[in-house]
Protein backbone atom coordinates (compact mmCIF):
# COMPACT_ATOMS: atom_id res chain seq x y z
CA MET A 1 181.36 -103.08 -140.24
CA SER A 2 183.10 -106.30 -141.24
CA ALA A 3 181.71 -109.42 -142.85
CA GLN A 4 183.08 -112.99 -142.78
CA THR A 5 182.00 -116.28 -144.30
CA VAL A 6 183.34 -118.29 -141.37
CA PRO A 7 181.31 -119.56 -138.40
CA PHE A 8 180.22 -116.86 -135.97
CA SER A 9 182.57 -116.34 -133.01
CA PHE A 10 180.64 -116.09 -129.73
CA ARG A 11 183.89 -115.05 -128.04
CA THR A 12 183.82 -111.91 -130.19
CA LEU A 13 180.26 -111.20 -129.06
CA ARG A 14 181.23 -111.58 -125.39
CA LEU A 15 184.10 -109.17 -125.83
CA ALA A 16 181.78 -106.65 -127.49
CA ALA A 17 179.24 -106.98 -124.68
CA ALA A 18 181.96 -106.46 -122.08
CA ALA A 19 183.19 -103.36 -123.86
CA ALA A 20 179.66 -102.00 -124.04
CA SER A 21 179.20 -102.58 -120.32
CA LEU A 22 182.37 -100.65 -119.56
CA LEU A 23 181.17 -97.78 -121.74
CA LEU A 24 177.83 -97.74 -119.95
CA LEU A 25 179.45 -97.75 -116.51
CA ALA A 26 181.67 -94.88 -117.51
CA ALA A 27 178.76 -92.89 -118.88
CA CYS A 28 177.38 -89.84 -117.13
CA ALA A 29 174.02 -88.14 -117.41
CA VAL A 30 174.27 -84.59 -118.73
CA GLY A 31 171.90 -81.93 -117.52
CA PRO A 32 171.08 -80.69 -114.01
CA ASP A 33 170.17 -83.17 -111.29
CA TYR A 34 166.70 -82.50 -109.95
CA VAL A 35 166.09 -80.58 -106.75
CA VAL A 36 162.57 -79.70 -105.57
CA PRO A 37 162.12 -75.92 -106.01
CA PRO A 38 162.03 -74.20 -102.61
CA GLN A 39 158.74 -72.57 -101.65
CA ASP A 40 157.90 -70.86 -98.38
CA THR A 41 154.68 -72.20 -96.86
CA GLY A 42 154.85 -70.56 -93.45
CA VAL A 43 155.01 -72.30 -90.09
CA ALA A 44 151.27 -72.26 -89.33
CA PHE A 45 147.97 -71.22 -90.85
CA LYS A 46 147.09 -67.73 -89.69
CA SER A 47 143.36 -68.43 -89.60
CA ALA A 48 143.88 -71.51 -87.41
CA GLN A 49 145.41 -69.52 -84.56
CA GLY A 50 143.05 -69.62 -81.61
CA TRP A 51 140.61 -71.89 -83.43
CA VAL A 52 139.47 -74.47 -80.90
CA GLN A 53 137.31 -77.23 -82.36
CA ALA A 54 134.46 -78.71 -80.39
CA ARG A 55 135.78 -82.25 -80.78
CA PRO A 56 139.28 -83.57 -81.40
CA GLY A 57 139.73 -84.86 -84.91
CA ALA A 58 141.79 -87.83 -86.03
CA PRO A 59 144.37 -87.13 -88.74
CA LEU A 60 143.20 -87.30 -92.35
CA ALA A 61 145.04 -90.58 -92.75
CA SER A 62 142.42 -92.14 -95.03
CA ASP A 63 141.20 -90.70 -98.28
CA SER A 64 137.65 -91.88 -97.46
CA TRP A 65 137.07 -88.48 -95.94
CA TRP A 66 133.32 -88.37 -96.71
CA GLN A 67 132.73 -91.10 -94.12
CA ARG A 68 133.37 -88.52 -91.40
CA TYR A 69 129.86 -87.20 -92.02
CA GLN A 70 128.36 -90.60 -91.10
CA ASP A 71 125.76 -90.54 -93.86
CA PRO A 72 125.19 -93.98 -95.46
CA LEU A 73 123.57 -92.53 -98.58
CA LEU A 74 126.46 -90.12 -99.12
CA ASN A 75 128.89 -93.03 -98.73
CA SER A 76 126.97 -95.00 -101.35
CA LEU A 77 126.87 -92.07 -103.77
CA VAL A 78 130.63 -91.51 -103.51
CA ASP A 79 131.26 -95.21 -104.11
CA ARG A 80 129.17 -95.00 -107.28
CA LEU A 81 131.05 -91.88 -108.34
CA ASN A 82 134.39 -93.64 -107.90
CA GLU A 83 133.18 -96.41 -110.20
CA SER A 84 131.21 -94.54 -112.86
CA ASN A 85 132.18 -90.86 -113.05
CA GLN A 86 133.21 -90.15 -116.64
CA THR A 87 135.51 -87.23 -115.87
CA LEU A 88 137.40 -89.54 -113.55
CA ALA A 89 137.44 -92.23 -116.24
CA GLN A 90 139.09 -89.73 -118.60
CA SER A 91 141.81 -89.01 -116.02
CA ILE A 92 142.44 -92.73 -115.51
CA ALA A 93 142.73 -93.25 -119.27
CA ARG A 94 145.27 -90.43 -119.49
CA TYR A 95 147.20 -92.05 -116.65
CA ASP A 96 147.24 -95.32 -118.59
CA GLN A 97 148.63 -93.39 -121.55
CA ALA A 98 151.38 -91.98 -119.33
CA VAL A 99 152.24 -95.48 -118.07
CA ALA A 100 152.50 -96.71 -121.66
CA THR A 101 154.73 -93.77 -122.59
CA SER A 102 156.97 -94.51 -119.62
CA ALA A 103 157.23 -98.16 -120.71
CA GLN A 104 158.16 -97.04 -124.22
CA SER A 105 160.86 -94.78 -122.82
CA ARG A 106 162.23 -97.59 -120.64
CA SER A 107 162.55 -99.86 -123.68
CA GLY A 108 165.43 -97.69 -124.90
CA PHE A 109 167.72 -99.29 -122.30
CA PHE A 110 167.45 -102.67 -123.98
CA PRO A 111 168.69 -103.94 -127.34
CA THR A 112 166.35 -104.39 -130.27
CA ALA A 113 166.38 -107.62 -132.23
CA GLY A 114 165.04 -108.24 -135.71
CA LEU A 115 164.48 -111.25 -137.91
CA SER A 116 164.57 -111.23 -141.70
CA LEU A 117 163.65 -114.24 -143.86
CA SER A 118 163.17 -114.19 -147.62
CA GLY A 119 163.22 -116.58 -150.53
CA ASP A 120 163.34 -116.24 -154.31
CA ARG A 121 163.51 -118.31 -157.46
CA ASN A 122 165.61 -117.06 -160.36
CA LYS A 123 166.05 -118.23 -163.91
CA THR A 124 169.53 -117.80 -165.36
CA ALA A 125 171.40 -119.07 -168.38
CA SER A 126 172.57 -122.05 -166.39
CA GLY A 127 169.10 -122.93 -165.20
CA ILE A 128 166.68 -122.22 -162.37
CA ALA A 129 168.15 -121.45 -158.94
CA ASN A 130 166.45 -121.20 -155.55
CA SER A 131 167.76 -119.24 -152.60
CA VAL A 132 166.63 -118.80 -149.00
CA ASN A 133 168.10 -115.83 -147.12
CA GLY A 134 167.72 -115.35 -143.41
CA SER A 135 169.38 -113.20 -140.77
CA VAL A 136 168.98 -112.06 -137.18
CA SER A 137 170.09 -108.56 -136.27
CA LEU A 138 170.72 -106.97 -132.89
CA GLN A 139 171.21 -103.25 -132.10
CA TRP A 140 171.80 -101.46 -128.84
CA GLU A 141 172.36 -97.76 -128.16
CA ALA A 142 174.96 -97.10 -125.48
CA ASP A 143 173.60 -94.38 -123.22
CA LEU A 144 176.96 -92.63 -122.87
CA TRP A 145 175.60 -89.20 -121.96
CA GLY A 146 172.48 -90.20 -120.08
CA LYS A 147 170.02 -89.12 -122.78
CA LEU A 148 167.96 -92.29 -122.40
CA ARG A 149 168.11 -92.08 -118.62
CA ARG A 150 166.93 -88.47 -118.65
CA GLN A 151 164.18 -89.36 -121.10
CA TYR A 152 162.99 -92.18 -118.85
CA GLU A 153 163.27 -89.92 -115.80
CA SER A 154 161.06 -87.38 -117.55
CA SER A 155 158.50 -90.00 -118.63
CA LYS A 156 158.39 -91.53 -115.16
CA SER A 157 157.83 -88.12 -113.59
CA ASP A 158 155.03 -87.45 -116.09
CA GLU A 159 153.51 -90.80 -115.14
CA GLN A 160 153.59 -89.87 -111.45
CA ALA A 161 152.09 -86.47 -112.24
CA SER A 162 149.30 -88.16 -114.16
CA ARG A 163 148.61 -90.47 -111.22
CA ALA A 164 148.35 -87.43 -108.96
CA ASP A 165 146.03 -85.84 -111.54
CA VAL A 166 143.70 -88.81 -111.12
CA ALA A 167 143.66 -88.26 -107.36
CA ALA A 168 143.02 -84.54 -107.85
CA ALA A 169 140.16 -85.21 -110.28
CA ARG A 170 138.66 -87.78 -107.91
CA LEU A 171 138.88 -85.41 -104.95
CA SER A 172 137.32 -82.58 -106.98
CA MET A 173 134.41 -84.77 -108.12
CA GLN A 174 133.89 -86.16 -104.61
CA SER A 175 133.85 -82.73 -102.99
CA THR A 176 131.46 -81.41 -105.66
CA LEU A 177 129.16 -84.37 -105.03
CA ALA A 178 129.24 -83.86 -101.25
CA GLN A 179 128.50 -80.14 -101.57
CA ASN A 180 125.60 -80.80 -103.95
CA TYR A 181 124.26 -83.50 -101.65
CA PHE A 182 124.37 -81.29 -98.57
CA ALA A 183 122.80 -78.42 -100.50
CA LEU A 184 119.97 -80.74 -101.56
CA ARG A 185 119.41 -81.92 -97.99
CA MET A 186 119.31 -78.33 -96.76
CA LEU A 187 116.72 -77.53 -99.44
CA ASP A 188 114.67 -80.40 -98.04
CA GLU A 189 114.95 -78.79 -94.62
CA ARG A 190 113.92 -75.41 -96.02
CA LYS A 191 110.92 -76.99 -97.71
CA ARG A 192 110.01 -78.75 -94.46
CA LEU A 193 110.16 -75.37 -92.73
CA LEU A 194 108.00 -73.78 -95.44
CA GLN A 195 105.48 -76.58 -95.22
CA ALA A 196 105.25 -76.06 -91.48
CA ASN A 197 104.74 -72.35 -92.11
CA VAL A 198 102.09 -73.11 -94.73
CA ARG A 199 100.17 -75.16 -92.15
CA ALA A 200 100.54 -72.35 -89.61
CA TYR A 201 99.39 -69.74 -92.14
CA GLU A 202 96.42 -71.91 -93.09
CA ARG A 203 95.39 -71.92 -89.46
CA SER A 204 95.89 -68.15 -89.33
CA VAL A 205 93.65 -67.71 -92.37
CA GLN A 206 90.96 -69.83 -90.72
CA VAL A 207 91.26 -68.01 -87.39
CA ASN A 208 91.04 -64.60 -89.06
CA GLN A 209 88.15 -65.72 -91.22
CA ASN A 210 86.27 -66.89 -88.11
CA ARG A 211 87.03 -63.65 -86.26
CA TYR A 212 85.97 -61.61 -89.29
CA GLU A 213 82.66 -63.49 -89.48
CA GLN A 214 82.16 -62.86 -85.75
CA GLY A 215 82.78 -59.17 -86.30
CA VAL A 216 85.88 -58.96 -84.09
CA ALA A 217 88.46 -58.69 -86.93
CA ALA A 218 88.81 -56.63 -90.07
CA ARG A 219 88.69 -57.97 -93.60
CA ALA A 220 92.27 -56.72 -94.01
CA ASP A 221 93.41 -59.30 -91.45
CA VAL A 222 92.00 -62.13 -93.56
CA VAL A 223 93.63 -60.75 -96.71
CA SER A 224 97.01 -60.36 -94.96
CA ALA A 225 96.88 -63.95 -93.70
CA GLN A 226 95.94 -65.20 -97.17
CA ALA A 227 98.87 -63.27 -98.73
CA GLN A 228 101.28 -64.86 -96.25
CA LEU A 229 99.93 -68.30 -97.07
CA GLU A 230 100.26 -67.94 -100.83
CA SER A 231 103.75 -66.47 -100.54
CA ALA A 232 104.88 -69.48 -98.51
CA ARG A 233 103.34 -71.85 -101.05
CA ALA A 234 105.15 -70.08 -103.91
CA SER A 235 108.49 -70.33 -102.07
CA ALA A 236 107.95 -74.06 -101.52
CA ILE A 237 107.33 -74.55 -105.25
CA ALA A 238 110.51 -72.60 -106.12
CA ILE A 239 112.54 -74.94 -103.88
CA GLU A 240 111.35 -77.90 -105.96
CA ALA A 241 113.05 -76.46 -109.05
CA ASP A 242 116.33 -75.85 -107.23
CA ARG A 243 116.22 -79.35 -105.75
CA SER A 244 115.70 -80.91 -109.17
CA LEU A 245 118.79 -79.17 -110.53
CA LEU A 246 120.92 -80.51 -107.68
CA GLU A 247 119.49 -84.00 -108.10
CA HIS A 248 120.32 -83.91 -111.82
CA ALA A 249 123.88 -82.75 -111.09
CA ILE A 250 124.38 -85.60 -108.61
CA ALA A 251 123.08 -88.12 -111.15
CA VAL A 252 125.64 -87.00 -113.73
CA LEU A 253 128.44 -87.12 -111.17
CA ILE A 254 127.72 -90.77 -110.43
CA GLY A 255 127.41 -91.61 -114.12
CA GLN A 256 123.62 -91.97 -114.21
CA PRO A 257 121.06 -90.35 -116.54
CA PRO A 258 119.01 -87.84 -114.51
CA SER A 259 115.76 -89.53 -115.51
CA ALA A 260 116.85 -92.75 -113.78
CA PHE A 261 117.96 -91.24 -110.50
CA ALA A 262 116.18 -89.78 -107.49
CA ILE A 263 116.89 -89.00 -103.84
CA GLU A 264 113.94 -89.30 -101.53
CA PRO A 265 113.34 -86.27 -99.26
CA LYS A 266 113.68 -86.86 -95.56
CA ALA A 267 114.27 -85.00 -92.32
CA TYR A 268 117.98 -84.44 -92.11
CA GLU A 269 120.47 -83.60 -89.42
CA VAL A 270 124.23 -83.91 -89.77
CA GLN A 271 127.07 -82.62 -87.65
CA VAL A 272 130.06 -80.84 -89.12
CA PRO A 273 132.97 -83.19 -88.36
CA ALA A 274 136.14 -82.14 -86.61
CA ILE A 275 138.82 -81.43 -89.22
CA PRO A 276 142.45 -81.50 -88.09
CA VAL A 277 144.61 -78.78 -89.58
CA ASP A 278 148.30 -79.60 -89.73
CA VAL A 279 151.24 -77.34 -90.53
CA PRO A 280 151.17 -75.78 -94.01
CA SER A 281 154.12 -77.79 -95.31
CA THR A 282 152.05 -80.99 -95.15
CA LEU A 283 150.10 -79.70 -98.15
CA LEU A 284 153.17 -80.43 -100.26
CA MET A 285 152.58 -84.12 -99.54
CA GLN A 286 148.77 -84.24 -99.20
CA ARG A 287 147.53 -82.09 -102.07
CA PRO A 288 147.51 -84.15 -105.27
CA ASP A 289 147.51 -81.06 -107.48
CA ILE A 290 150.67 -79.81 -105.75
CA VAL A 291 152.33 -83.21 -106.17
CA ALA A 292 151.33 -83.28 -109.84
CA ALA A 293 152.79 -79.80 -110.39
CA GLU A 294 156.03 -80.77 -108.62
CA ARG A 295 156.37 -83.96 -110.68
CA ARG A 296 156.00 -81.92 -113.86
CA VAL A 297 158.86 -79.73 -112.68
CA ALA A 298 160.97 -82.90 -112.36
CA ALA A 299 159.93 -83.98 -115.86
CA ALA A 300 160.86 -80.60 -117.32
CA ASN A 301 164.20 -80.68 -115.50
CA ALA A 302 165.03 -84.05 -117.06
CA GLN A 303 164.16 -82.71 -120.53
CA ILE A 304 167.00 -80.20 -120.17
CA GLY A 305 169.40 -83.15 -120.00
CA VAL A 306 167.76 -84.75 -123.02
CA ALA A 307 168.22 -81.56 -125.03
CA GLN A 308 171.84 -81.10 -123.91
CA ALA A 309 172.70 -84.70 -124.81
CA ALA A 310 172.02 -83.87 -128.45
CA TRP A 311 175.39 -82.07 -128.52
CA PHE A 312 177.20 -85.38 -128.03
CA PRO A 313 177.60 -88.32 -130.44
CA ASP A 314 175.34 -91.37 -130.32
CA LEU A 315 177.08 -94.74 -130.09
CA THR A 316 175.18 -97.75 -131.39
CA LEU A 317 176.46 -101.31 -131.25
CA GLY A 318 175.02 -103.63 -133.87
CA GLY A 319 175.46 -107.09 -135.17
CA SER A 320 173.82 -109.66 -137.38
CA ILE A 321 174.11 -113.33 -138.19
CA GLY A 322 172.61 -115.18 -141.10
CA ASN A 323 172.66 -117.83 -143.77
CA THR A 324 171.91 -118.27 -147.48
CA THR A 325 170.96 -121.66 -148.95
CA SER A 326 168.91 -123.08 -151.79
CA THR A 327 166.18 -124.62 -149.59
CA LEU A 328 164.59 -123.86 -146.24
CA ALA A 329 165.61 -127.28 -144.90
CA GLN A 330 169.24 -126.60 -145.78
CA TRP A 331 168.97 -123.15 -144.19
CA LEU A 332 167.80 -124.68 -140.92
CA ALA A 333 170.47 -127.41 -140.95
CA SER A 334 173.55 -125.65 -142.28
CA PRO A 335 175.96 -123.56 -140.16
CA LEU A 336 175.88 -119.77 -140.26
CA GLN A 337 177.52 -118.40 -143.38
CA PHE A 338 177.97 -114.77 -142.43
CA TRP A 339 178.02 -112.47 -139.42
CA SER A 340 178.84 -108.87 -138.74
CA LEU A 341 179.57 -106.90 -135.58
CA GLY A 342 180.64 -103.35 -135.04
CA PRO A 343 179.94 -99.94 -133.54
CA SER A 344 178.33 -96.94 -135.19
CA LEU A 345 179.08 -93.40 -134.07
CA ALA A 346 176.97 -90.49 -135.25
CA MET A 347 176.68 -86.85 -134.31
CA THR A 348 175.42 -83.64 -135.83
CA LEU A 349 178.06 -81.08 -136.75
CA LEU A 350 175.95 -78.19 -138.03
CA ASP A 351 172.24 -77.69 -137.37
CA GLY A 352 171.71 -73.94 -137.74
CA GLY A 353 171.11 -73.48 -134.00
CA ALA A 354 168.45 -76.21 -133.64
CA ARG A 355 170.13 -77.87 -130.65
CA ALA A 356 170.79 -74.58 -128.91
CA GLY A 357 167.17 -73.63 -129.44
CA ALA A 358 166.02 -76.97 -128.02
CA VAL A 359 168.11 -76.42 -124.88
CA ASP A 360 166.75 -72.90 -124.43
CA PHE A 361 163.22 -74.19 -124.95
CA SER A 362 163.64 -76.92 -122.32
CA LYS A 363 165.07 -74.44 -119.80
CA ALA A 364 162.18 -72.04 -120.39
CA SER A 365 159.72 -74.93 -119.99
CA TYR A 366 161.36 -75.78 -116.69
CA ARG A 367 161.00 -72.21 -115.42
CA ALA A 368 157.34 -72.21 -116.44
CA GLU A 369 156.69 -75.45 -114.53
CA VAL A 370 158.46 -74.05 -111.46
CA ALA A 371 156.21 -70.99 -111.56
CA THR A 372 153.15 -73.22 -111.96
CA TYR A 373 154.25 -75.31 -108.98
CA ARG A 374 154.81 -72.29 -106.76
CA GLN A 375 151.50 -70.74 -107.78
CA THR A 376 149.72 -74.02 -107.02
CA VAL A 377 151.25 -74.04 -103.55
CA LEU A 378 150.23 -70.43 -102.91
CA THR A 379 146.70 -71.07 -104.16
CA SER A 380 146.36 -74.12 -101.92
CA LEU A 381 147.50 -72.10 -98.90
CA GLN A 382 144.90 -69.48 -99.74
CA GLU A 383 142.16 -72.09 -100.06
CA VAL A 384 142.95 -73.56 -96.65
CA GLU A 385 143.11 -70.13 -95.02
CA ASP A 386 139.81 -69.16 -96.65
CA ALA A 387 138.07 -72.35 -95.54
CA ILE A 388 139.34 -72.12 -91.95
CA SER A 389 138.40 -68.46 -91.57
CA THR A 390 134.98 -69.13 -93.14
CA LEU A 391 134.31 -71.98 -90.72
CA ARG A 392 135.38 -69.87 -87.76
CA VAL A 393 133.09 -67.01 -88.72
CA LEU A 394 130.16 -69.30 -89.53
CA GLU A 395 130.53 -71.12 -86.22
CA ARG A 396 130.31 -67.86 -84.28
CA GLN A 397 127.56 -66.54 -86.53
CA GLN A 398 125.48 -69.69 -86.12
CA ALA A 399 125.77 -69.54 -82.33
CA ALA A 400 124.48 -65.96 -82.38
CA GLN A 401 121.76 -66.88 -84.86
CA MET A 402 120.48 -69.69 -82.66
CA ARG A 403 120.07 -67.19 -79.81
CA ALA A 404 118.20 -64.88 -82.19
CA LEU A 405 116.02 -67.77 -83.33
CA THR A 406 115.08 -68.68 -79.78
CA ALA A 407 114.09 -65.07 -79.11
CA ALA A 408 112.09 -64.88 -82.37
CA ARG A 409 110.12 -67.99 -81.48
CA GLN A 410 109.31 -66.61 -78.04
CA SER A 411 108.29 -63.27 -79.54
CA LEU A 412 105.97 -64.99 -82.01
CA ALA A 413 104.25 -66.99 -79.29
CA ILE A 414 103.75 -63.87 -77.16
CA THR A 415 102.43 -61.78 -80.07
CA GLN A 416 99.99 -64.48 -81.19
CA ASN A 417 98.58 -64.69 -77.65
CA GLN A 418 98.26 -60.90 -77.54
CA TYR A 419 96.40 -60.90 -80.85
CA LEU A 420 93.95 -63.53 -79.67
CA ALA A 421 93.42 -61.45 -76.54
CA GLY A 422 92.71 -58.39 -78.68
CA LEU A 423 95.73 -56.46 -77.43
CA VAL A 424 97.43 -56.01 -80.85
CA ASP A 425 96.26 -56.02 -84.46
CA TYR A 426 97.09 -58.75 -86.96
CA LEU A 427 99.71 -56.62 -88.71
CA SER A 428 101.88 -57.04 -85.63
CA VAL A 429 101.49 -60.81 -85.90
CA VAL A 430 102.46 -60.73 -89.59
CA GLN A 431 105.61 -58.80 -88.81
CA VAL A 432 106.67 -61.13 -86.01
CA GLN A 433 105.87 -64.20 -88.10
CA SER A 434 108.01 -62.81 -90.91
CA ASN A 435 110.88 -62.20 -88.49
CA ALA A 436 110.57 -65.71 -87.05
CA TYR A 437 110.58 -67.32 -90.48
CA SER A 438 113.55 -65.24 -91.54
CA ALA A 439 115.43 -66.35 -88.41
CA GLU A 440 114.61 -70.01 -89.13
CA GLN A 441 115.71 -69.66 -92.73
CA THR A 442 118.96 -67.93 -91.79
CA ALA A 443 119.76 -70.68 -89.29
CA LEU A 444 119.32 -73.32 -91.99
CA GLN A 445 121.39 -71.29 -94.44
CA LEU A 446 124.24 -71.00 -91.93
CA GLU A 447 124.13 -74.74 -91.29
CA SER A 448 124.31 -75.35 -95.04
CA GLN A 449 127.23 -72.94 -95.40
CA ARG A 450 129.11 -74.66 -92.57
CA LEU A 451 128.70 -78.03 -94.26
CA GLN A 452 129.89 -76.59 -97.56
CA ALA A 453 132.89 -74.92 -95.93
CA SER A 454 133.84 -78.12 -94.10
CA VAL A 455 133.91 -80.04 -97.39
CA GLN A 456 135.98 -77.26 -98.96
CA LEU A 457 138.45 -77.38 -96.08
CA ILE A 458 138.87 -81.16 -96.33
CA ALA A 459 139.41 -80.87 -100.08
CA ALA A 460 141.87 -77.99 -99.58
CA LEU A 461 143.85 -80.20 -97.18
CA GLY A 462 144.08 -82.99 -99.76
CA GLY A 463 141.23 -85.18 -98.52
CA GLY A 464 143.55 -87.65 -96.79
CA TRP A 465 145.48 -88.45 -99.98
CA ASP A 466 149.24 -88.81 -99.58
CA ARG A 467 152.22 -88.62 -101.92
CA ALA A 468 153.24 -92.16 -100.91
CA GLN A 469 150.37 -93.43 -103.07
CA LEU A 470 152.43 -92.56 -106.16
CA ALA A 471 154.39 -95.76 -105.55
CA SER A 472 151.26 -97.88 -105.14
CA LYS A 473 150.84 -100.74 -107.61
CA SER A 474 147.07 -100.69 -107.35
CA ALA A 475 144.80 -98.88 -109.77
CA PRO A 476 144.78 -95.08 -109.25
């Protein structure tokens, strides 16, 4: 560093800036350039082969996937979840942290400036003297080896991964809400069925009581009918407890205290929407958890370059200008009295293996992230295959169950007529009624399972989210 007491030469500063620019242009970034790890996804989903949907489905181009069920209350609940879910709020806060970290990393490309101003009053043998000292300093690190660029590349990749994490958390919360909502509605349908059975069993009790009083039926028939009635009532009460648990879970998902939230029961019918299944490789773009895992691979790859750059010297260009006077007014009016400008080169010669260890650590971290990415891809493929195969089986099973239900209803009507005609005893009616109720309940259960599986399939496909949203400027 050199110091002069002559006016500052701006020509010198321009020459220094030009030299720094040439150094920066000549610089290279150490470390491996990033390449997405290869991962076989297959050419088609095995479970989708031969699966013909009842209706053609539009592509999952929008991430408002829940609107496919055409349920206004569900739409409203998801909107409230998007605004008030606290797990989602945590993910958004972590994304904001990642954005701030990326901005901090980017600041390394620019020079730092500082201002120093001080004053003192001294008493000496010659009298009292005042002095005002002020200076402006400027420092800039030349990124000769790409350390700063790799660091920013890593931070930016972490930011993108965090944004995808927000999408993954949102999709998880939305799918959980939809599954809870459909489960609640199917409980309402089961209770409606039980209430209808209770009314039918009440009539049976009355009929058997009348027949017993007339001497054409045994007391056992009355007792059997009464047992059926009370069993149905007990089942209806049990459904209330299960429904309350689901209602409480939905309240928490939308950020509401359970005591302040309720969903009114109503007759419910919803169709499972058509869900288009694309080629497996589209999951790499549509699944936010896969995108997040891949972005973390990119971040880990960049950290290898950061660690390797530690083997090379750091070049810092610095300068300062300043003045020293007896008063502040003189300091503001007088020309600069001193300036300094010069480079600083620093590197570590011996570190006991610290840098080598850091490089090995970063490479191991990269391999771990690659394995995580590949496992995430494999898990997503499994989830899609599972959901497709489940939907296929449930669709066939429900068709068969509806035929069984039709037969059970016909059998019940025939047996009841035979009992009233005195052709069979009441035990036969009880057995047929039990079979009919079981068939009704199984049909509802299959419908509920199909709805659940359809939500799981949409979530497994990414819910309409797309990697292009990483570049969006809007809130995640």
